[in-house]
């Protein structure tokens, strides 16, 4: 199932996911002792445009799974964390200007 979720993230068909990853990573930077779920919850409570992006993404991607084979929310969040980590590594690897 995780491979299927990763494929959905790779072909997101939703604009703004990079900004969502950046905002979650910023929350993680502000609270380095917090786990990913706590930082995710903080961002979701903010009701910003990133939250709208996440809602649009999850609603759109839900149709890409059979009704009787929907991923568990924890699995989706696990892949979201992977994507946030990958975005952070990508930004660190870019040379500073």
C-alpha atoms as a PDB file:
ATOM      1  CA  UNK A   1       0.000   0.000   0.000  1.00  0.00           C
ATOM      2  CA  UNK A   2       2.834   2.433   0.790  1.00  0.00           C
ATOM      3  CA  UNK A   3       4.189   2.033  -2.743  1.00  0.00           C
ATOM      4  CA  UNK A   4       0.772   2.939  -4.146  1.00  0.00           C
ATOM      5  CA  UNK A   5       0.550   5.991  -1.889  1.00  0.00           C
ATOM      6  CA  UNK A   6       4.051   7.073  -2.906  1.00  0.00           C
ATOM      7  CA  UNK A   7       2.979   6.806  -6.541  1.00  0.00           C
ATOM      8  CA  UNK A   8       0.011   9.087  -5.840  1.00  0.00           C
ATOM      9  CA  UNK A   9       2.305  11.649  -4.207  1.00  0.00           C
ATOM     10  CA  UNK A  10       4.716  11.425  -7.143  1.00  0.00           C
ATOM     11  CA  UNK A  11       1.840  12.160  -9.532  1.00  0.00           C
ATOM     12  CA  UNK A  12       0.027  14.535  -7.206  1.00  0.00           C
ATOM     13  CA  UNK A  13      -2.022  16.504  -9.755  1.00  0.00           C
ATOM     14  CA  UNK A  14      -2.326  19.192  -7.055  1.00  0.00           C
ATOM     15  CA  UNK A  15      -0.467  22.489  -6.978  1.00  0.00           C
ATOM     16  CA  UNK A  16       1.133  23.721  -3.770  1.00  0.00           C
ATOM     17  CA  UNK A  17       2.383  20.546  -2.126  1.00  0.00           C
ATOM     18  CA  UNK A  18       5.947  21.890  -1.972  1.00  0.00           C
ATOM     19  CA  UNK A  19       4.662  24.839   0.052  1.00  0.00           C
ATOM     20  CA  UNK A  20       2.850  22.424   2.368  1.00  0.00           C
ATOM     21  CA  UNK A  21       6.080  20.477   2.868  1.00  0.00           C
ATOM     22  CA  UNK A  22       7.923  23.748   3.582  1.00  0.00           C
ATOM     23  CA  UNK A  23       5.375  24.892   6.176  1.00  0.00           C
ATOM     24  CA  UNK A  24       5.408  21.526   7.943  1.00  0.00           C
ATOM     25  CA  UNK A  25       9.218  21.560   7.917  1.00  0.00           C
ATOM     26  CA  UNK A  26       9.201  25.096   9.352  1.00  0.00           C
ATOM     27  CA  UNK A  27       6.969  23.866  12.185  1.00  0.00           C
ATOM     28  CA  UNK A  28       9.382  20.978  12.739  1.00  0.00           C
ATOM     29  CA  UNK A  29      12.271  23.461  12.889  1.00  0.00           C
ATOM     30  CA  UNK A  30      10.430  25.556  15.486  1.00  0.00           C
ATOM     31  CA  UNK A  31       9.672  22.510  17.630  1.00  0.00           C
ATOM     32  CA  UNK A  32      12.569  20.107  16.999  1.00  0.00           C
ATOM     33  CA  UNK A  33      11.614  17.923  19.976  1.00  0.00           C
ATOM     34  CA  UNK A  34       8.094  17.392  18.631  1.00  0.00           C
ATOM     35  CA  UNK A  35       7.159  14.436  16.501  1.00  0.00           C
ATOM     36  CA  UNK A  36       5.919  14.785  12.939  1.00  0.00           C
ATOM     37  CA  UNK A  37       2.272  14.290  13.923  1.00  0.00           C
ATOM     38  CA  UNK A  38       2.373  17.217  16.365  1.00  0.00           C
ATOM     39  CA  UNK A  39       3.855  19.526  13.726  1.00  0.00           C
ATOM     40  CA  UNK A  40       1.339  18.310  11.141  1.00  0.00           C
ATOM     41  CA  UNK A  41      -1.501  18.982  13.603  1.00  0.00           C
ATOM     42  CA  UNK A  42      -0.166  22.495  14.243  1.00  0.00           C
ATOM     43  CA  UNK A  43      -0.108  23.282  10.526  1.00  0.00           C
ATOM     44  CA  UNK A  44      -3.583  21.814  10.004  1.00  0.00           C
ATOM     45  CA  UNK A  45      -4.931  23.959  12.855  1.00  0.00           C
ATOM     46  CA  UNK A  46      -3.639  27.096  11.122  1.00  0.00           C
ATOM     47  CA  UNK A  47      -6.273  26.886   8.363  1.00  0.00           C
ATOM     48  CA  UNK A  48      -3.888  28.430   5.807  1.00  0.00           C
ATOM     49  CA  UNK A  49      -3.725  27.859   2.074  1.00  0.00           C
ATOM     50  CA  UNK A  50      -1.502  24.849   2.707  1.00  0.00           C
ATOM     51  CA  UNK A  51      -4.384  23.204   4.559  1.00  0.00           C
ATOM     52  CA  UNK A  52      -6.647  23.792   1.568  1.00  0.00           C
ATOM     53  CA  UNK A  53      -3.960  22.251  -0.639  1.00  0.00           C
ATOM     54  CA  UNK A  54      -3.810  19.165   1.582  1.00  0.00           C
ATOM     55  CA  UNK A  55      -7.594  18.791   1.634  1.00  0.00           C
ATOM     56  CA  UNK A  56      -7.765  19.136  -2.159  1.00  0.00           C
ATOM     57  CA  UNK A  57      -4.979  16.588  -2.551  1.00  0.00           C
ATOM     58  CA  UNK A  58      -6.551  14.022  -0.237  1.00  0.00           C
ATOM     59  CA  UNK A  59     -10.009  14.391  -1.778  1.00  0.00           C
ATOM     60  CA  UNK A  60      -8.628  14.133  -5.305  1.00  0.00           C
ATOM     61  CA  UNK A  61      -6.393  11.182  -4.551  1.00  0.00           C
ATOM     62  CA  UNK A  62      -9.071   9.269  -2.665  1.00  0.00           C
ATOM     63  CA  UNK A  63     -10.675   8.519  -6.017  1.00  0.00           C
ATOM     64  CA  UNK A  64      -7.459   6.810  -7.138  1.00  0.00           C
ATOM     65  CA  UNK A  65      -8.022   3.988  -4.656  1.00  0.00           C
ATOM     66  CA  UNK A  66     -10.872   1.504  -4.676  1.00  0.00           C
ATOM     67  CA  UNK A  67     -13.531   2.211  -2.065  1.00  0.00           C
ATOM     68  CA  UNK A  68     -12.827  -1.071  -0.316  1.00  0.00           C
ATOM     69  CA  UNK A  69      -9.056  -0.524  -0.447  1.00  0.00           C
ATOM     70  CA  UNK A  70      -8.506   2.979   0.927  1.00  0.00           C
ATOM     71  CA  UNK A  71      -5.205   3.666   2.701  1.00  0.00           C
ATOM     72  CA  UNK A  72      -5.191   4.228   6.432  1.00  0.00           C
ATOM     73  CA  UNK A  73      -4.625   7.872   7.423  1.00  0.00           C
ATOM     74  CA  UNK A  74      -1.431   6.858   9.245  1.00  0.00           C
ATOM     75  CA  UNK A  75      -0.046   5.430   6.001  1.00  0.00           C
ATOM     76  CA  UNK A  76      -0.821   8.632   4.156  1.00  0.00           C
ATOM     77  CA  UNK A  77       0.853  10.700   6.881  1.00  0.00           C
ATOM     78  CA  UNK A  78       3.880   8.425   6.794  1.00  0.00           C
ATOM     79  CA  UNK A  79       4.367   9.175   3.103  1.00  0.00           C
ATOM     80  CA  UNK A  80       3.722  12.870   3.742  1.00  0.00           C
ATOM     81  CA  UNK A  81       6.552  12.786   6.278  1.00  0.00           C
ATOM     82  CA  UNK A  82       8.809  11.099   3.708  1.00  0.00           C
ATOM     83  CA  UNK A  83       7.987  13.842   1.215  1.00  0.00           C
ATOM     84  CA  UNK A  84       8.713  16.560   3.777  1.00  0.00           C
ATOM     85  CA  UNK A  85      12.053  14.905   4.556  1.00  0.00           C
ATOM     86  CA  UNK A  86      12.889  14.634   0.857  1.00  0.00           C
ATOM     87  CA  UNK A  87      11.998  18.292   0.289  1.00  0.00           C
ATOM     88  CA  UNK A  88      14.254  19.307   3.180  1.00  0.00           C
ATOM     89  CA  UNK A  89      17.152  17.259   1.797  1.00  0.00           C
ATOM     90  CA  UNK A  90      16.600  18.704  -1.667  1.00  0.00           C
ATOM     91  CA  UNK A  91      16.757  22.242  -0.287  1.00  0.00           C
ATOM     92  CA  UNK A  92      19.895  21.487   1.730  1.00  0.00           C
ATOM     93  CA  UNK A  93      21.594  20.073  -1.379  1.00  0.00           C
ATOM     94  CA  UNK A  94      20.959  23.231  -3.400  1.00  0.00           C
ATOM     95  CA  UNK A  95      23.903  25.642  -3.386  1.00  0.00           C
ATOM     96  CA  UNK A  96      23.310  28.898  -1.550  1.00  0.00           C
ATOM     97  CA  UNK A  97      23.209  32.045  -3.611  1.00  0.00           C
END
